[in-house]
Amino acid sequence: MTTMMSNVAIVTALPRFQDYFRDIENIEFYSRLMLTLPSFIIAILAPFLGHFVFKVGKKKSATIALLIFAITGSAGLYLEQIEAFLLSRALFGVAVATLMIVSTSLVGDYFQGEARHKFMGYQSAFMSIGGVSFVLAGGFLSDMDWRLPFGIYLIGLILLPMAIYFLYEVPKEQIEQKEEDIIPTNLLGIYFLAFFYMLIFFILPTQVPFLIIDHFGGSGKIAGSIIAIAFLSNAFGAITFSKLKKKYNFSTIYLIALFIIACGFTGIGLVKNIYFFYFVTPLLGFGGGIMMTNVTAWMLSKTTFEKRVKSSAYLTSFLFIGQFFSPIVFHPLVSKVGVQNFFEIIGITLFTIVLFTSLYRKFISNS
């Protein structure tokens, strides 16, 4: 709940935030910056925060980050200056980045092999459920007062004693005995695949609402429920990963997930009735759940104890770079062809990538 989708808690509050500060010049830009600034900060600072976590320790870093998460996230309950709002969101990004790095690297410390793959599925599933919870709670609270969704971030104070009591540092010697066969490799390819995953997956929350509301005349409630169901499907996809890993390698699973996502995009591009979104958007979520878990597990399988924190930091950075640039990269195409045609084009493009990559792999294996 405190990591990948924690930004979405305030999405429904932003229109009323914009109204509250309507006398400020460029408030439309600032209101959108409230949502994207944490992602930008995470993308830029995550590699440096990895060094901090490695030196300070994972448990201590987690407790500090949870405290900052609660304080800066909930600051919107009382702040009055736009500059203070933006500063709080920037510091909030630092906390989220630290929590992402710690949670990923601790999974690598605590679990090995099949147990790691299974737990990573549950971790990704709970991240998705956290996103659903934040979206629904934020929408409910924003109807009462636009400031109330910021109070959701006080959950950090509830999690703080749990982190202090339950988290522990695994001795380096104990992990090295388990990982003596692991050879650190260049992770740039995996980082690129993580970036590509988030670039296409973040189309779901940034473009689908506009398609449902503007093109199909749906309500905000319908749009929210469709996205919530897609996020729940993301959880099921994450849990499915460990079963796929028993049969296929990481690269094959990535292509399987990309094929499922391509089906979802193409389906959205062909929808004529708004209620069919309830059947096609879950494909995006399901494939995305498999892909996210696969990429993280792939990275952990290639790192040792000394490299794990820094490798997790760079993975976090690439994921949030993809999240930040997704609406920027695709905006020109959406403006030119329309939202629904855009989904169809992306779906066909992903099918093409899967086809040619599969043929290339078959050619290499036969030669």
Protein backbone atom coordinates (compact mmCIF):
# COMPACT_ATOMS: atom_id res chain seq x y z
CA MET A 1 0.00 0.00 0.00
CA THR A 2 2.95 2.31 0.57
CA THR A 3 4.77 1.65 -2.71
CA MET A 4 3.93 1.45 -6.41
CA MET A 5 0.34 2.77 -6.44
CA SER A 6 0.42 4.99 -3.34
CA ASN A 7 0.14 8.09 -5.53
CA VAL A 8 -3.41 7.24 -6.59
CA ALA A 9 -4.94 7.99 -3.16
CA ILE A 10 -5.26 11.70 -4.00
CA VAL A 11 -6.36 11.38 -7.66
CA THR A 12 -10.00 12.14 -6.88
CA ALA A 13 -9.04 15.08 -4.64
CA LEU A 14 -7.10 16.97 -7.34
CA PRO A 15 -10.08 18.63 -9.13
CA ARG A 16 -11.26 20.14 -5.82
CA PHE A 17 -7.68 20.97 -4.86
CA GLN A 18 -7.53 22.90 -8.12
CA ASP A 19 -10.75 24.75 -7.28
CA TYR A 20 -9.49 25.64 -3.80
CA PHE A 21 -6.36 27.28 -5.25
CA ARG A 22 -8.05 28.66 -8.38
CA ASP A 23 -6.64 32.16 -7.78
CA ILE A 24 -3.08 30.88 -8.23
CA GLU A 25 -1.62 31.22 -11.73
CA ASN A 26 -0.92 27.90 -13.52
CA ILE A 27 -2.85 25.93 -10.89
CA GLU A 28 -3.83 23.32 -13.51
CA PHE A 29 -0.14 22.53 -14.00
CA TYR A 30 0.54 22.46 -10.25
CA SER A 31 -2.40 20.14 -9.57
CA ARG A 32 -1.05 17.58 -12.07
CA LEU A 33 2.43 18.05 -10.65
CA MET A 34 1.06 16.94 -7.28
CA LEU A 35 0.55 13.48 -8.82
CA THR A 36 3.66 13.21 -11.01
CA LEU A 37 6.27 14.91 -8.78
CA PRO A 38 6.72 11.91 -6.42
CA SER A 39 7.29 9.62 -9.44
CA PHE A 40 9.90 12.02 -10.84
CA ILE A 41 11.69 12.27 -7.48
CA ILE A 42 11.69 8.48 -7.11
CA ALA A 43 13.09 8.01 -10.63
CA ILE A 44 15.92 10.48 -10.01
CA LEU A 45 16.86 9.71 -6.40
CA ALA A 46 16.28 5.93 -6.12
CA PRO A 47 19.87 4.98 -7.12
CA PHE A 48 21.30 7.37 -4.50
CA LEU A 49 18.85 6.17 -1.88
CA GLY A 50 20.09 2.63 -2.56
CA HIS A 51 23.51 3.64 -1.24
CA PHE A 52 21.85 5.22 1.82
CA VAL A 53 19.85 2.05 2.57
CA PHE A 54 22.96 -0.12 2.18
CA LYS A 55 24.93 2.01 4.68
CA VAL A 56 22.17 2.69 7.23
CA GLY A 57 20.55 -0.75 7.12
CA LYS A 58 17.24 -1.96 5.73
CA LYS A 59 15.22 -2.07 8.95
CA LYS A 60 16.30 1.38 10.10
CA SER A 61 15.69 2.78 6.59
CA ALA A 62 12.18 1.29 6.56
CA THR A 63 11.24 2.83 9.91
CA ILE A 64 12.56 6.26 8.90
CA ALA A 65 10.77 6.05 5.54
CA LEU A 66 7.43 5.04 7.13
CA LEU A 67 7.61 8.04 9.45
CA ILE A 68 8.37 10.42 6.55
CA PHE A 69 5.64 8.72 4.48
CA ALA A 70 3.03 9.43 7.17
CA ILE A 71 4.14 13.01 7.92
CA THR A 72 4.62 14.25 4.35
CA GLY A 73 1.75 12.24 2.83
CA SER A 74 -0.80 13.55 5.34
CA ALA A 75 0.53 17.13 5.19
CA GLY A 76 -2.27 18.01 2.75
CA LEU A 77 -4.68 17.91 5.70
CA TYR A 78 -3.47 21.32 6.87
CA LEU A 79 -1.09 22.98 4.37
CA GLU A 80 -2.15 26.28 2.78
CA GLN A 81 0.73 27.26 0.45
CA ILE A 82 1.13 25.60 -2.94
CA GLU A 83 4.93 25.57 -2.48
CA ALA A 84 4.54 23.62 0.76
CA PHE A 85 2.25 21.11 -0.98
CA LEU A 86 4.85 20.48 -3.70
CA LEU A 87 7.68 20.16 -1.16
CA SER A 88 5.66 17.63 0.83
CA ARG A 89 5.01 15.57 -2.32
CA ALA A 90 8.73 15.61 -3.19
CA LEU A 91 9.66 14.34 0.30
CA PHE A 92 6.84 11.81 0.01
CA GLY A 93 8.55 10.48 -3.13
CA VAL A 94 11.78 9.98 -1.18
CA ALA A 95 9.89 7.89 1.40
CA VAL A 96 8.13 5.75 -1.25
CA ALA A 97 11.41 5.10 -3.09
CA THR A 98 13.08 3.96 0.13
CA LEU A 99 10.19 1.63 0.97
CA MET A 100 10.28 0.13 -2.55
CA ILE A 101 14.03 -0.54 -2.29
CA VAL A 102 13.80 -2.04 1.21
CA SER A 103 10.79 -4.28 0.47
CA THR A 104 12.31 -5.67 -2.74
CA SER A 105 15.74 -6.34 -1.26
CA LEU A 106 14.32 -7.91 1.94
CA VAL A 107 12.35 -10.42 -0.14
CA GLY A 108 15.67 -11.41 -1.70
CA ASP A 109 17.20 -11.77 1.78
CA TYR A 110 14.37 -13.75 3.37
CA PHE A 111 13.50 -16.19 0.57
CA GLN A 112 15.26 -18.32 -2.03
CA GLY A 113 14.18 -20.19 -5.17
CA GLU A 114 10.59 -21.40 -5.32
CA ALA A 115 9.71 -19.82 -1.96
CA ARG A 116 10.88 -16.44 -3.29
CA HIS A 117 8.79 -16.71 -6.47
CA LYS A 118 5.70 -17.61 -4.45
CA PHE A 119 6.18 -14.78 -1.95
CA MET A 120 6.87 -12.24 -4.71
CA GLY A 121 3.52 -13.14 -6.21
CA TYR A 122 1.82 -12.38 -2.90
CA GLN A 123 3.82 -9.16 -2.54
CA SER A 124 2.76 -7.89 -5.97
CA ALA A 125 -0.81 -8.97 -5.25
CA PHE A 126 -0.94 -6.94 -2.04
CA MET A 127 0.56 -3.95 -3.89
CA SER A 128 -2.34 -4.16 -6.34
CA ILE A 129 -4.93 -4.58 -3.59
CA GLY A 130 -3.35 -1.58 -1.86
CA GLY A 131 -3.86 0.45 -5.04
CA VAL A 132 -7.53 -0.58 -5.16
CA SER A 133 -7.98 0.33 -1.49
CA PHE A 134 -6.36 3.73 -1.98
CA VAL A 135 -8.47 4.54 -5.05
CA LEU A 136 -11.76 3.56 -3.40
CA ALA A 137 -10.95 5.19 -0.04
CA GLY A 138 -9.70 8.35 -1.74
CA GLY A 139 -12.88 8.63 -3.81
CA PHE A 140 -15.12 8.14 -0.77
CA LEU A 141 -13.25 10.66 1.38
CA SER A 142 -12.93 13.31 -1.36
CA ASP A 143 -16.73 13.45 -1.60
CA MET A 144 -16.74 14.69 2.01
CA ASP A 145 -13.74 17.02 1.84
CA TRP A 146 -10.88 17.30 -0.67
CA ARG A 147 -8.29 17.28 2.15
CA LEU A 148 -9.40 13.98 3.72
CA PRO A 149 -7.73 11.62 1.17
CA PHE A 150 -4.36 12.93 2.36
CA GLY A 151 -5.18 11.41 5.75
CA ILE A 152 -4.96 7.93 4.19
CA TYR A 153 -1.17 8.21 4.33
CA LEU A 154 -1.30 8.16 8.14
CA ILE A 155 -1.36 4.38 7.65
CA GLY A 156 2.42 4.73 7.83
CA LEU A 157 2.11 5.30 11.58
CA ILE A 158 0.09 2.07 11.92
CA LEU A 159 2.72 0.12 9.97
CA LEU A 160 5.66 1.66 11.87
CA PRO A 161 5.46 -0.52 15.03
CA MET A 162 4.94 -3.58 12.82
CA ALA A 163 8.13 -2.79 10.90
CA ILE A 164 10.05 -2.28 14.15
CA TYR A 165 8.78 -5.55 15.63
CA PHE A 166 8.74 -7.92 12.64
CA LEU A 167 11.52 -6.82 10.26
CA TYR A 168 15.03 -8.12 10.84
CA GLU A 169 18.39 -7.96 9.10
CA VAL A 170 19.64 -11.31 7.79
CA PRO A 171 23.37 -11.90 8.53
CA LYS A 172 25.50 -11.56 5.42
CA GLU A 173 27.22 -14.92 6.02
CA GLN A 174 23.89 -16.78 6.16
CA ILE A 175 22.82 -15.41 2.76
CA GLU A 176 26.15 -15.95 1.05
CA GLN A 177 26.00 -19.69 1.82
CA LYS A 178 22.70 -19.88 -0.06
CA GLU A 179 23.81 -17.75 -2.98
CA GLU A 180 27.28 -19.06 -3.74
CA ASP A 181 26.19 -20.22 -7.21
CA ILE A 182 24.73 -16.85 -8.24
CA ILE A 183 26.88 -14.87 -10.66
CA PRO A 184 26.10 -11.12 -10.80
CA THR A 185 25.31 -10.08 -14.36
CA ASN A 186 24.56 -6.90 -16.26
CA LEU A 187 20.99 -5.97 -15.38
CA LEU A 188 20.42 -3.24 -17.98
CA GLY A 189 18.24 -5.52 -20.11
CA ILE A 190 15.99 -6.33 -17.14
CA TYR A 191 15.83 -2.64 -16.19
CA PHE A 192 14.73 -1.77 -19.72
CA LEU A 193 12.00 -4.45 -19.61
CA ALA A 194 10.83 -3.00 -16.26
CA PHE A 195 10.73 0.48 -17.79
CA PHE A 196 8.80 -0.83 -20.82
CA TYR A 197 6.35 -2.67 -18.56
CA MET A 198 5.47 0.45 -16.57
CA LEU A 199 5.40 2.62 -19.72
CA ILE A 200 2.57 0.52 -21.16
CA PHE A 201 0.84 -0.54 -17.91
CA PHE A 202 0.40 3.04 -16.67
CA ILE A 203 -1.73 3.69 -19.75
CA LEU A 204 -4.49 1.95 -17.78
CA PRO A 205 -5.02 4.60 -15.06
CA THR A 206 -4.02 7.59 -17.23
CA GLN A 207 -6.02 6.93 -20.42
CA VAL A 208 -8.92 4.55 -19.63
CA PRO A 209 -10.88 7.07 -17.49
CA PHE A 210 -10.88 9.60 -20.36
CA LEU A 211 -12.11 6.93 -22.78
CA ILE A 212 -14.91 5.78 -20.47
CA ILE A 213 -16.09 9.24 -19.39
CA ASP A 214 -15.47 11.38 -22.50
CA HIS A 215 -16.08 8.86 -25.30
CA PHE A 216 -18.67 6.51 -23.76
CA GLY A 217 -20.32 9.02 -21.42
CA GLY A 218 -19.73 6.88 -18.35
CA SER A 219 -19.71 8.21 -14.80
CA GLY A 220 -16.68 8.59 -12.56
CA LYS A 221 -18.09 5.75 -10.43
CA ILE A 222 -18.10 3.37 -13.41
CA ALA A 223 -14.59 4.43 -14.44
CA GLY A 224 -13.34 3.89 -10.90
CA SER A 225 -14.94 0.46 -10.60
CA ILE A 226 -13.48 -0.67 -13.95
CA ILE A 227 -9.96 0.39 -12.93
CA ALA A 228 -10.43 -1.19 -9.48
CA ILE A 229 -11.35 -4.54 -11.08
CA ALA A 230 -8.29 -4.28 -13.35
CA PHE A 231 -6.10 -3.74 -10.27
CA LEU A 232 -7.68 -6.79 -8.59
CA SER A 233 -6.91 -8.82 -11.71
CA ASN A 234 -3.33 -7.57 -11.35
CA ALA A 235 -3.25 -9.32 -7.96
CA PHE A 236 -4.43 -12.62 -9.49
CA GLY A 237 -1.78 -12.31 -12.21
CA ALA A 238 0.92 -11.80 -9.60
CA ILE A 239 -0.13 -14.95 -7.71
CA THR A 240 -0.15 -16.92 -11.00
CA PHE A 241 3.54 -16.09 -11.61
CA SER A 242 4.94 -18.81 -9.32
CA LYS A 243 2.94 -21.48 -11.18
CA LEU A 244 4.24 -20.25 -14.54
CA LYS A 245 7.82 -20.18 -13.21
CA LYS A 246 7.68 -23.94 -12.61
CA LYS A 247 7.28 -24.46 -16.39
CA TYR A 248 8.90 -21.49 -18.12
CA ASN A 249 11.95 -19.25 -17.83
CA PHE A 250 11.78 -15.51 -17.10
CA SER A 251 11.98 -14.33 -20.73
CA THR A 252 9.20 -16.69 -21.84
CA ILE A 253 6.94 -15.54 -18.99
CA TYR A 254 7.56 -11.91 -20.01
CA LEU A 255 6.35 -12.70 -23.55
CA ILE A 256 3.30 -14.58 -22.21
CA ALA A 257 2.39 -11.56 -20.06
CA LEU A 258 2.97 -9.18 -22.98
CA PHE A 259 0.64 -11.28 -25.15
CA ILE A 260 -2.11 -11.09 -22.50
CA ILE A 261 -1.64 -7.31 -22.21
CA ALA A 262 -1.81 -7.03 -26.02
CA CYS A 263 -5.17 -8.86 -25.92
CA GLY A 264 -6.40 -6.36 -23.33
CA PHE A 265 -5.32 -3.30 -25.33
CA THR A 266 -6.82 -4.63 -28.55
CA GLY A 267 -10.03 -5.53 -26.75
CA ILE A 268 -10.37 -2.00 -25.36
CA GLY A 269 -9.79 -0.65 -28.87
CA LEU A 270 -12.70 -2.73 -30.21
CA VAL A 271 -15.22 -2.20 -27.38
CA LYS A 272 -18.57 -0.73 -28.47
CA ASN A 273 -20.49 -1.08 -25.21
CA ILE A 274 -19.22 0.44 -21.97
CA TYR A 275 -19.99 -2.68 -19.92
CA PHE A 276 -17.56 -4.74 -22.00
CA PHE A 277 -14.76 -2.83 -20.26
CA TYR A 278 -15.41 -5.05 -17.26
CA PHE A 279 -14.24 -8.00 -19.39
CA VAL A 280 -11.28 -6.54 -21.31
CA THR A 281 -9.49 -4.28 -18.80
CA PRO A 282 -8.89 -7.22 -16.39
CA LEU A 283 -6.68 -8.71 -19.12
CA LEU A 284 -4.41 -5.66 -18.78
CA GLY A 285 -4.34 -6.06 -15.03
CA PHE A 286 -3.75 -9.82 -15.10
CA GLY A 287 -0.90 -9.60 -17.60
CA GLY A 288 0.60 -6.66 -15.73
CA GLY A 289 0.59 -8.63 -12.46
CA ILE A 290 2.52 -11.48 -14.05
CA MET A 291 4.97 -9.09 -15.71
CA MET A 292 5.73 -6.97 -12.63
CA THR A 293 6.40 -10.02 -10.44
CA ASN A 294 8.45 -11.67 -13.18
CA VAL A 295 10.71 -8.64 -13.70
CA THR A 296 11.40 -8.23 -9.98
CA ALA A 297 12.08 -11.94 -9.43
CA TRP A 298 14.33 -11.96 -12.52
CA MET A 299 16.39 -9.11 -11.11
CA LEU A 300 16.73 -10.78 -7.68
CA SER A 301 17.85 -14.04 -9.31
CA LYS A 302 20.83 -12.22 -10.84
CA THR A 303 22.12 -10.42 -7.72
CA THR A 304 24.05 -11.27 -4.56
CA PHE A 305 23.68 -9.80 -1.06
CA GLU A 306 26.19 -6.98 -1.72
CA LYS A 307 24.46 -5.91 -4.94
CA ARG A 308 20.83 -6.51 -3.96
CA VAL A 309 20.00 -3.12 -2.40
CA LYS A 310 21.61 -1.13 -5.22
CA SER A 311 20.06 -3.38 -7.88
CA SER A 312 16.63 -2.93 -6.27
CA ALA A 313 17.22 0.83 -6.22
CA TYR A 314 17.91 0.96 -9.96
CA LEU A 315 14.89 -1.27 -10.68
CA THR A 316 12.73 1.15 -8.66
CA SER A 317 14.17 4.06 -10.62
CA PHE A 318 13.42 2.51 -14.02
CA LEU A 319 9.87 1.55 -12.98
CA PHE A 320 9.04 5.09 -11.94
CA ILE A 321 10.76 6.61 -14.97
CA GLY A 322 8.29 4.53 -17.01
CA GLN A 323 5.41 5.71 -14.83
CA PHE A 324 6.43 9.35 -15.17
CA PHE A 325 6.97 9.28 -18.94
CA SER A 326 3.97 7.12 -19.89
CA PRO A 327 1.44 9.97 -20.33
CA ILE A 328 4.14 12.21 -21.87
CA VAL A 329 5.30 9.68 -24.48
CA PHE A 330 1.81 8.63 -25.60
CA HIS A 331 0.06 12.01 -25.51
CA PRO A 332 0.96 12.98 -29.13
CA LEU A 333 -0.40 9.67 -30.50
CA VAL A 334 -3.58 9.91 -28.39
CA SER A 335 -4.14 13.49 -29.62
CA LYS A 336 -3.68 12.45 -33.25
CA VAL A 337 -5.74 9.23 -33.49
CA GLY A 338 -8.13 9.42 -30.51
CA VAL A 339 -8.09 7.41 -27.29
CA GLN A 340 -9.83 4.24 -28.49
CA ASN A 341 -7.86 3.98 -31.74
CA PHE A 342 -4.73 4.51 -29.65
CA PHE A 343 -5.51 1.37 -27.62
CA GLU A 344 -5.99 -0.68 -30.78
CA ILE A 345 -2.69 0.55 -32.24
CA ILE A 346 -0.81 -0.25 -29.03
CA GLY A 347 -2.40 -3.72 -28.90
CA ILE A 348 -1.41 -4.55 -32.49
CA THR A 349 2.10 -3.20 -31.87
CA LEU A 350 2.54 -5.44 -28.80
CA PHE A 351 1.26 -8.48 -30.77
CA THR A 352 3.89 -7.69 -33.42
CA ILE A 353 6.65 -7.45 -30.79
CA VAL A 354 5.64 -10.81 -29.28
CA LEU A 355 5.51 -12.49 -32.70
CA PHE A 356 8.88 -11.28 -33.97
CA THR A 357 10.61 -11.86 -30.63
CA SER A 358 9.26 -15.43 -30.50
CA LEU A 359 10.39 -16.12 -34.08
CA TYR A 360 13.83 -14.66 -33.33
CA ARG A 361 14.22 -16.83 -30.21
CA LYS A 362 13.19 -19.93 -32.18
CA PHE A 363 15.68 -19.08 -34.94
CA ILE A 364 18.52 -18.61 -32.40
CA SER A 365 17.71 -21.87 -30.60
CA ASN A 366 17.73 -23.81 -33.91
CA SER A 367 20.95 -22.29 -35.24
